[in-house]
Each structure stands twice: as C-alpha cells, then as structure tokens.
Amino acid sequence: MGKIMRGKGSKWMVVVDGEGIPLGSTITSASPAEVKLLPPLLDATYKNTKIHRLVYDKAADTDPLRCSLLSREIDLICPHRRNR
C-alpha cells in the first residue's frame, strides 16, 4: 500500500491526573498545532473535574494560551522556548 494523500493522520490527546488515570480525551486531525487543540481538550475534561495545574512540553509556551489558562485558574507548567 502506498502513501495516501488524505493527511498526516490523527492526534489522540488525553488529560490524566497525577496517578495516570484518564480524565478526558479528544481525537482530532494531526494537522493543527497542539496549542490550538488544548482548549477543546480542556473543555471536554473541565466538565468532569477541576484542573489546577497543567504540565506540558515546550509546544505550549505561548502567551495567548497562558492567558487563556489563567482565566480558567489553571497554572501552566512547561519549559520556556529558546526564542521567548
């Protein structure tokens, strides 16, 4: 089977608690950046439980995302990007 031209695939994003128990998940296209997929993921998770801290990688180090999370009273813990 050759390479298909329909896209790169899909992303399955999951929010887990400190013990690794899943709290919520979303499945989306692999095309958009992960930063743009975090708010819908948190909306799906936020209905079930209150999130206080979000630990993520360098991809989440953007000012708009930090402001959005602060308005929800969520503390973002991630390393700063080199070009910040």
PDB file of N, CA and C in Angstrom:
ATOM      1  N   MET A   1       0.851  -1.172   0.000  1.00  0.00           N
ATOM      2  CA  MET A   1       0.000   0.000   0.000  1.00  0.00           C
ATOM      3  C   MET A   1       0.892   1.229   0.000  1.00  0.00           C
ATOM      4  N   GLY A   2       0.657   2.146  -0.863  1.00  0.00           N
ATOM      5  CA  GLY A   2       1.447   3.355  -0.965  1.00  0.00           C
ATOM      6  C   GLY A   2       0.964   4.440  -0.016  1.00  0.00           C
ATOM      7  N   LYS A   3       1.658   5.551  -0.049  1.00  0.00           N
ATOM      8  CA  LYS A   3       1.304   6.699   0.784  1.00  0.00           C
ATOM      9  C   LYS A   3      -0.005   7.304   0.299  1.00  0.00           C
ATOM     10  N   ILE A   4      -0.904   7.600   1.242  1.00  0.00           N
ATOM     11  CA  ILE A   4      -2.172   8.208   0.855  1.00  0.00           C
ATOM     12  C   ILE A   4      -2.050   9.723   0.915  1.00  0.00           C
ATOM     13  N   MET A   5      -2.924  10.415   0.235  1.00  0.00           N
ATOM     14  CA  MET A   5      -2.865  11.871   0.144  1.00  0.00           C
ATOM     15  C   MET A   5      -3.927  12.539   1.018  1.00  0.00           C
ATOM     16  N   ARG A   6      -4.461  11.860   2.004  1.00  0.00           N
ATOM     17  CA  ARG A   6      -5.563  12.416   2.779  1.00  0.00           C
ATOM     18  C   ARG A   6      -5.113  13.186   4.007  1.00  0.00           C
ATOM     19  N   GLY A   7      -3.890  13.173   4.369  1.00  0.00           N
ATOM     20  CA  GLY A   7      -3.448  13.905   5.545  1.00  0.00           C
ATOM     21  C   GLY A   7      -2.421  13.119   6.329  1.00  0.00           C
ATOM     22  N   LYS A   8      -2.042  13.681   7.460  1.00  0.00           N
ATOM     23  CA  LYS A   8      -0.978  13.073   8.259  1.00  0.00           C
ATOM     24  C   LYS A   8      -1.494  12.068   9.273  1.00  0.00           C
ATOM     25  N   GLY A   9      -2.775  12.022   9.498  1.00  0.00           N
ATOM     26  CA  GLY A   9      -3.306  11.087  10.474  1.00  0.00           C
ATOM     27  C   GLY A   9      -4.164  11.790  11.496  1.00  0.00           C
ATOM     28  N   SER A  10      -4.086  11.304  12.732  1.00  0.00           N
ATOM     29  CA  SER A  10      -4.901  11.881  13.796  1.00  0.00           C
ATOM     30  C   SER A  10      -4.086  11.979  15.079  1.00  0.00           C
ATOM     31  N   LYS A  11      -4.548  12.849  15.970  1.00  0.00           N
ATOM     32  CA  LYS A  11      -3.922  13.024  17.282  1.00  0.00           C
ATOM     33  C   LYS A  11      -4.945  12.649  18.337  1.00  0.00           C
ATOM     34  N   TRP A  12      -4.500  11.836  19.258  1.00  0.00           N
ATOM     35  CA  TRP A  12      -5.337  11.473  20.388  1.00  0.00           C
ATOM     36  C   TRP A  12      -4.714  12.129  21.603  1.00  0.00           C
ATOM     37  N   MET A  13      -5.360  13.146  22.133  1.00  0.00           N
ATOM     38  CA  MET A  13      -4.835  13.889  23.271  1.00  0.00           C
ATOM     39  C   MET A  13      -5.629  13.492  24.510  1.00  0.00           C
ATOM     40  N   VAL A  14      -4.899  13.189  25.599  1.00  0.00           N
ATOM     41  CA  VAL A  14      -5.512  12.695  26.820  1.00  0.00           C
ATOM     42  C   VAL A  14      -5.010  13.517  27.996  1.00  0.00           C
ATOM     43  N   VAL A  15      -5.905  13.876  28.904  1.00  0.00           N
ATOM     44  CA  VAL A  15      -5.547  14.532  30.162  1.00  0.00           C
ATOM     45  C   VAL A  15      -5.638  13.470  31.248  1.00  0.00           C
ATOM     46  N   VAL A  16      -4.549  13.326  32.025  1.00  0.00           N
ATOM     47  CA  VAL A  16      -4.531  12.353  33.116  1.00  0.00           C
ATOM     48  C   VAL A  16      -4.235  13.065  34.424  1.00  0.00           C
ATOM     49  N   ASP A  17      -4.612  12.443  35.526  1.00  0.00           N
ATOM     50  CA  ASP A  17      -4.292  13.014  36.831  1.00  0.00           C
ATOM     51  C   ASP A  17      -2.894  12.578  37.254  1.00  0.00           C
ATOM     52  N   GLY A  18      -2.497  12.897  38.471  1.00  0.00           N
ATOM     53  CA  GLY A  18      -1.157  12.596  38.957  1.00  0.00           C
ATOM     54  C   GLY A  18      -0.841  11.116  39.038  1.00  0.00           C
ATOM     55  N   GLU A  19      -1.860  10.278  39.048  1.00  0.00           N
ATOM     56  CA  GLU A  19      -1.658   8.831  39.123  1.00  0.00           C
ATOM     57  C   GLU A  19      -1.789   8.152  37.768  1.00  0.00           C
ATOM     58  N   GLY A  20      -2.025   8.931  36.701  1.00  0.00           N
ATOM     59  CA  GLY A  20      -2.123   8.385  35.357  1.00  0.00           C
ATOM     60  C   GLY A  20      -3.520   7.934  34.964  1.00  0.00           C
ATOM     61  N   ILE A  21      -4.517   8.306  35.749  1.00  0.00           N
ATOM     62  CA  ILE A  21      -5.893   7.935  35.435  1.00  0.00           C
ATOM     63  C   ILE A  21      -6.466   8.961  34.453  1.00  0.00           C
ATOM     64  N   PRO A  22      -6.980   8.519  33.300  1.00  0.00           N
ATOM     65  CA  PRO A  22      -7.510   9.454  32.303  1.00  0.00           C
ATOM     66  C   PRO A  22      -8.716  10.235  32.835  1.00  0.00           C
ATOM     67  N   LEU A  23      -8.712  11.545  32.570  1.00  0.00           N
ATOM     68  CA  LEU A  23      -9.819  12.416  32.963  1.00  0.00           C
ATOM     69  C   LEU A  23     -10.659  12.844  31.772  1.00  0.00           C
ATOM     70  N   GLY A  24     -10.054  12.884  30.592  1.00  0.00           N
ATOM     71  CA  GLY A  24     -10.759  13.286  29.383  1.00  0.00           C
ATOM     72  C   GLY A  24      -9.856  13.123  28.180  1.00  0.00           C
ATOM     73  N   SER A  25     -10.449  13.023  26.993  1.00  0.00           N
ATOM     74  CA  SER A  25      -9.644  12.865  25.787  1.00  0.00           C
ATOM     75  C   SER A  25     -10.397  13.401  24.576  1.00  0.00           C
ATOM     76  N   THR A  26      -9.637  13.707  23.530  1.00  0.00           N
ATOM     77  CA  THR A  26     -10.202  14.109  22.244  1.00  0.00           C
ATOM     78  C   THR A  26      -9.375  13.477  21.136  1.00  0.00           C
ATOM     79  N   ILE A  27     -10.009  13.216  20.016  1.00  0.00           N
ATOM     80  CA  ILE A  27      -9.326  12.721  18.824  1.00  0.00           C
ATOM     81  C   ILE A  27      -9.594  13.729  17.719  1.00  0.00           C
ATOM     82  N   THR A  28      -8.514  14.262  17.140  1.00  0.00           N
ATOM     83  CA  THR A  28      -8.644  15.276  16.095  1.00  0.00           C
ATOM     84  C   THR A  28      -7.664  14.998  14.968  1.00  0.00           C
ATOM     85  N   SER A  29      -7.708  15.820  13.956  1.00  0.00           N
ATOM     86  CA  SER A  29      -6.773  15.730  12.847  1.00  0.00           C
ATOM     87  C   SER A  29      -5.367  16.058  13.327  1.00  0.00           C
ATOM     88  N   ALA A  30      -4.366  15.512  12.668  1.00  0.00           N
ATOM     89  CA  ALA A  30      -2.985  15.762  13.051  1.00  0.00           C
ATOM     90  C   ALA A  30      -2.456  17.082  12.492  1.00  0.00           C
ATOM     91  N   SER A  31      -3.209  17.751  11.655  1.00  0.00           N
ATOM     92  CA  SER A  31      -2.733  18.969  11.011  1.00  0.00           C
ATOM     93  C   SER A  31      -2.572  20.164  11.945  1.00  0.00           C
ATOM     94  N   PRO A  32      -3.560  20.499  12.792  1.00  0.00           N
ATOM     95  CA  PRO A  32      -3.406  21.694  13.632  1.00  0.00           C
ATOM     96  C   PRO A  32      -2.335  21.521  14.704  1.00  0.00           C
ATOM     97  N   ALA A  33      -1.781  22.627  15.137  1.00  0.00           N
ATOM     98  CA  ALA A  33      -0.785  22.601  16.205  1.00  0.00           C
ATOM     99  C   ALA A  33      -1.449  22.169  17.515  1.00  0.00           C
ATOM    100  N   GLU A  34      -0.665  21.556  18.383  1.00  0.00           N
ATOM    101  CA  GLU A  34      -1.196  21.059  19.652  1.00  0.00           C
ATOM    102  C   GLU A  34      -1.707  22.183  20.547  1.00  0.00           C
ATOM    103  N   VAL A  35      -1.125  23.364  20.423  1.00  0.00           N
ATOM    104  CA  VAL A  35      -1.563  24.501  21.237  1.00  0.00           C
ATOM    105  C   VAL A  35      -3.019  24.835  20.931  1.00  0.00           C
ATOM    106  N   LYS A  36      -3.428  24.696  19.681  1.00  0.00           N
ATOM    107  CA  LYS A  36      -4.802  25.000  19.296  1.00  0.00           C
ATOM    108  C   LYS A  36      -5.763  23.880  19.688  1.00  0.00           C
ATOM    109  N   LEU A  37      -5.234  22.708  19.983  1.00  0.00           N
ATOM    110  CA  LEU A  37      -6.082  21.582  20.360  1.00  0.00           C
ATOM    111  C   LEU A  37      -6.270  21.475  21.875  1.00  0.00           C
ATOM    112  N   LEU A  38      -5.499  22.216  22.651  1.00  0.00           N
ATOM    113  CA  LEU A  38      -5.618  22.144  24.108  1.00  0.00           C
ATOM    114  C   LEU A  38      -6.933  22.699  24.655  1.00  0.00           C
ATOM    115  N   PRO A  39      -7.414  23.870  24.214  1.00  0.00           N
ATOM    116  CA  PRO A  39      -8.682  24.366  24.772  1.00  0.00           C
ATOM    117  C   PRO A  39      -9.869  23.417  24.587  1.00  0.00           C
ATOM    118  N   PRO A  40     -10.089  22.806  23.407  1.00  0.00           N
ATOM    119  CA  PRO A  40     -11.198  21.846  23.309  1.00  0.00           C
ATOM    120  C   PRO A  40     -11.000  20.629  24.221  1.00  0.00           C
ATOM    121  N   LEU A  41      -9.753  20.209  24.384  1.00  0.00           N
ATOM    122  CA  LEU A  41      -9.464  19.091  25.279  1.00  0.00           C
ATOM    123  C   LEU A  41      -9.811  19.452  26.716  1.00  0.00           C
ATOM    124  N   LEU A  42      -9.446  20.653  27.131  1.00  0.00           N
ATOM    125  CA  LEU A  42      -9.754  21.085  28.494  1.00  0.00           C
ATOM    126  C   LEU A  42     -11.252  21.301  28.684  1.00  0.00           C
ATOM    127  N   ASP A  43     -11.956  21.739  27.628  1.00  0.00           N
ATOM    128  CA  ASP A  43     -13.409  21.872  27.719  1.00  0.00           C
ATOM    129  C   ASP A  43     -14.062  20.511  27.962  1.00  0.00           C
ATOM    130  N   ALA A  44     -13.579  19.488  27.268  1.00  0.00           N
ATOM    131  CA  ALA A  44     -14.127  18.141  27.449  1.00  0.00           C
ATOM    132  C   ALA A  44     -13.807  17.601  28.834  1.00  0.00           C
ATOM    133  N   THR A  45     -12.650  17.954  29.366  1.00  0.00           N
ATOM    134  CA  THR A  45     -12.223  17.464  30.670  1.00  0.00           C
ATOM    135  C   THR A  45     -12.802  18.299  31.794  1.00  0.00           C
ATOM    136  N   TYR A  46     -12.971  19.579  31.566  1.00  0.00           N
ATOM    137  CA  TYR A  46     -13.370  20.517  32.621  1.00  0.00           C
ATOM    138  C   TYR A  46     -14.773  20.229  33.143  1.00  0.00           C
ATOM    139  N   LYS A  47     -15.599  19.603  32.331  1.00  0.00           N
ATOM    140  CA  LYS A  47     -16.951  19.281  32.766  1.00  0.00           C
ATOM    141  C   LYS A  47     -16.940  18.269  33.900  1.00  0.00           C
ATOM    142  N   ASN A  48     -15.944  17.381  33.874  1.00  0.00           N
ATOM    143  CA  ASN A  48     -15.896  16.290  34.845  1.00  0.00           C
ATOM    144  C   ASN A  48     -15.134  16.638  36.115  1.00  0.00           C
ATOM    145  N   THR A  49     -14.088  17.430  36.008  1.00  0.00           N
ATOM    146  CA  THR A  49     -13.216  17.672  37.156  1.00  0.00           C
ATOM    147  C   THR A  49     -12.562  19.042  37.058  1.00  0.00           C
ATOM    148  N   LYS A  50     -12.072  19.548  38.154  1.00  0.00           N
ATOM    149  CA  LYS A  50     -11.374  20.836  38.203  1.00  0.00           C
ATOM    150  C   LYS A  50      -9.882  20.592  38.058  1.00  0.00           C
ATOM    151  N   ILE A  51      -9.267  21.238  37.075  1.00  0.00           N
ATOM    152  CA  ILE A  51      -7.838  21.118  36.835  1.00  0.00           C
ATOM    153  C   ILE A  51      -7.152  22.322  37.461  1.00  0.00           C
ATOM    154  N   HIS A  52      -6.115  22.091  38.256  1.00  0.00           N
ATOM    155  CA  HIS A  52      -5.389  23.178  38.904  1.00  0.00           C
ATOM    156  C   HIS A  52      -4.060  23.463  38.208  1.00  0.00           C
ATOM    157  N   ARG A  53      -3.381  22.422  37.751  1.00  0.00           N
ATOM    158  CA  ARG A  53      -2.090  22.569  37.082  1.00  0.00           C
ATOM    159  C   ARG A  53      -2.067  21.717  35.822  1.00  0.00           C
ATOM    160  N   LEU A  54      -1.428  22.253  34.779  1.00  0.00           N
ATOM    161  CA  LEU A  54      -1.260  21.526  33.525  1.00  0.00           C
ATOM    162  C   LEU A  54       0.227  21.440  33.236  1.00  0.00           C
ATOM    163  N   VAL A  55       0.754  20.231  33.165  1.00  0.00           N
ATOM    164  CA  VAL A  55       2.169  20.013  32.851  1.00  0.00           C
ATOM    165  C   VAL A  55       2.235  19.608  31.384  1.00  0.00           C
ATOM    166  N   TYR A  56       3.052  20.347  30.607  1.00  0.00           N
ATOM    167  CA  TYR A  56       3.120  20.116  29.164  1.00  0.00           C
ATOM    168  C   TYR A  56       4.542  20.370  28.687  1.00  0.00           C
ATOM    169  N   ASP A  57       4.788  20.162  27.393  1.00  0.00           N
ATOM    170  CA  ASP A  57       6.127  20.380  26.853  1.00  0.00           C
ATOM    171  C   ASP A  57       6.253  21.792  26.261  1.00  0.00           C
ATOM    172  N   LYS A  58       7.351  22.054  25.584  1.00  0.00           N
ATOM    173  CA  LYS A  58       7.640  23.393  25.062  1.00  0.00           C
ATOM    174  C   LYS A  58       6.607  23.887  24.046  1.00  0.00           C
ATOM    175  N   ALA A  59       5.865  22.980  23.443  1.00  0.00           N
ATOM    176  CA  ALA A  59       4.874  23.378  22.435  1.00  0.00           C
ATOM    177  C   ALA A  59       3.806  24.291  23.021  1.00  0.00           C
ATOM    178  N   ALA A  60       3.574  24.220  24.321  1.00  0.00           N
ATOM    179  CA  ALA A  60       2.513  25.007  24.950  1.00  0.00           C
ATOM    180  C   ALA A  60       2.992  26.364  25.442  1.00  0.00           C
ATOM    181  N   ASP A  61       4.214  26.738  25.180  1.00  0.00           N
ATOM    182  CA  ASP A  61       4.758  28.000  25.694  1.00  0.00           C
ATOM    183  C   ASP A  61       4.372  29.157  24.782  1.00  0.00           C
ATOM    184  N   THR A  62       3.119  29.584  24.887  1.00  0.00           N
ATOM    185  CA  THR A  62       2.642  30.756  24.152  1.00  0.00           C
ATOM    186  C   THR A  62       1.874  31.652  25.117  1.00  0.00           C
ATOM    187  N   ASP A  63       1.992  32.950  24.913  1.00  0.00           N
ATOM    188  CA  ASP A  63       1.303  33.897  25.791  1.00  0.00           C
ATOM    189  C   ASP A  63      -0.222  33.793  25.703  1.00  0.00           C
ATOM    190  N   PRO A  64      -0.815  33.646  24.499  1.00  0.00           N
ATOM    191  CA  PRO A  64      -2.280  33.528  24.461  1.00  0.00           C
ATOM    192  C   PRO A  64      -2.794  32.304  25.231  1.00  0.00           C
ATOM    193  N   LEU A  65      -2.071  31.190  25.134  1.00  0.00           N
ATOM    194  CA  LEU A  65      -2.505  30.005  25.865  1.00  0.00           C
ATOM    195  C   LEU A  65      -2.365  30.212  27.371  1.00  0.00           C
ATOM    196  N   ARG A  66      -1.273  30.836  27.787  1.00  0.00           N
ATOM    197  CA  ARG A  66      -1.082  31.109  29.219  1.00  0.00           C
ATOM    198  C   ARG A  66      -2.199  32.009  29.750  1.00  0.00           C
ATOM    199  N   CYS A  67      -2.573  33.037  29.002  1.00  0.00           N
ATOM    200  CA  CYS A  67      -3.658  33.938  29.427  1.00  0.00           C
ATOM    201  C   CYS A  67      -4.992  33.193  29.478  1.00  0.00           C
ATOM    202  N   SER A  68      -5.236  32.346  28.492  1.00  0.00           N
ATOM    203  CA  SER A  68      -6.469  31.572  28.469  1.00  0.00           C
ATOM    204  C   SER A  68      -6.556  30.630  29.673  1.00  0.00           C
ATOM    205  N   LEU A  69      -5.443  30.004  30.003  1.00  0.00           N
ATOM    206  CA  LEU A  69      -5.430  29.088  31.146  1.00  0.00           C
ATOM    207  C   LEU A  69      -5.544  29.842  32.461  1.00  0.00           C
ATOM    208  N   LEU A  70      -4.936  31.015  32.550  1.00  0.00           N
ATOM    209  CA  LEU A  70      -5.051  31.809  33.778  1.00  0.00           C
ATOM    210  C   LEU A  70      -6.489  32.255  34.019  1.00  0.00           C
ATOM    211  N   SER A  71      -7.225  32.537  32.942  1.00  0.00           N
ATOM    212  CA  SER A  71      -8.624  32.918  33.115  1.00  0.00           C
ATOM    213  C   SER A  71      -9.456  31.750  33.656  1.00  0.00           C
ATOM    214  N   ARG A  72      -8.997  30.538  33.407  1.00  0.00           N
ATOM    215  CA  ARG A  72      -9.655  29.338  33.945  1.00  0.00           C
ATOM    216  C   ARG A  72      -9.057  28.918  35.296  1.00  0.00           C
ATOM    217  N   GLU A  73      -8.104  29.702  35.795  1.00  0.00           N
ATOM    218  CA  GLU A  73      -7.401  29.421  37.048  1.00  0.00           C
ATOM    219  C   GLU A  73      -6.598  28.120  36.973  1.00  0.00           C
ATOM    220  N   ILE A  74      -5.950  27.901  35.817  1.00  0.00           N
ATOM    221  CA  ILE A  74      -5.084  26.739  35.610  1.00  0.00           C
ATOM    222  C   ILE A  74      -3.657  27.246  35.483  1.00  0.00           C
ATOM    223  N   ASP A  75      -2.751  26.670  36.251  1.00  0.00           N
ATOM    224  CA  ASP A  75      -1.342  27.040  36.220  1.00  0.00           C
ATOM    225  C   ASP A  75      -0.632  26.165  35.195  1.00  0.00           C
ATOM    226  N   LEU A  76      -0.018  26.776  34.174  1.00  0.00           N
ATOM    227  CA  LEU A  76       0.701  26.040  33.141  1.00  0.00           C
ATOM    228  C   LEU A  76       2.149  25.851  33.570  1.00  0.00           C
ATOM    229  N   ILE A  77       2.589  24.606  33.593  1.00  0.00           N
ATOM    230  CA  ILE A  77       3.970  24.281  33.940  1.00  0.00           C
ATOM    231  C   ILE A  77       4.606  23.686  32.682  1.00  0.00           C
ATOM    232  N   CYS A  78       5.484  24.464  32.051  1.00  0.00           N
ATOM    233  CA  CYS A  78       6.198  23.991  30.870  1.00  0.00           C
ATOM    234  C   CYS A  78       7.486  24.777  30.720  1.00  0.00           C
ATOM    235  N   PRO A  79       8.499  24.178  30.103  1.00  0.00           N
ATOM    236  CA  PRO A  79       9.747  24.915  29.889  1.00  0.00           C
ATOM    237  C   PRO A  79       9.552  26.004  28.843  1.00  0.00           C
ATOM    238  N   HIS A  80      10.302  27.078  28.973  1.00  0.00           N
ATOM    239  CA  HIS A  80      10.230  28.177  28.001  1.00  0.00           C
ATOM    240  C   HIS A  80      10.978  27.785  26.731  1.00  0.00           C
ATOM    241  N   ARG A  81      10.444  28.250  25.598  1.00  0.00           N
ATOM    242  CA  ARG A  81      11.134  28.025  24.339  1.00  0.00           C
ATOM    243  C   ARG A  81      12.372  28.913  24.267  1.00  0.00           C
ATOM    244  N   ARG A  82      13.291  28.532  23.447  1.00  0.00           N
ATOM    245  CA  ARG A  82      14.553  29.244  23.312  1.00  0.00           C
ATOM    246  C   ARG A  82      14.373  30.664  22.790  1.00  0.00           C
ATOM    247  N   ASN A  83      13.415  30.882  21.891  1.00  0.00           N
ATOM    248  CA  ASN A  83      13.225  32.196  21.272  1.00  0.00           C
ATOM    249  C   ASN A  83      12.209  33.063  22.010  1.00  0.00           C
ATOM    250  N   ARG A  84      11.894  32.765  23.239  1.00  0.00           N
ATOM    251  CA  ARG A  84      10.888  33.516  24.003  1.00  0.00           C
ATOM    252  C   ARG A  84      11.397  34.893  24.342  1.00  0.00           C
TER     253      ARG A  84
END
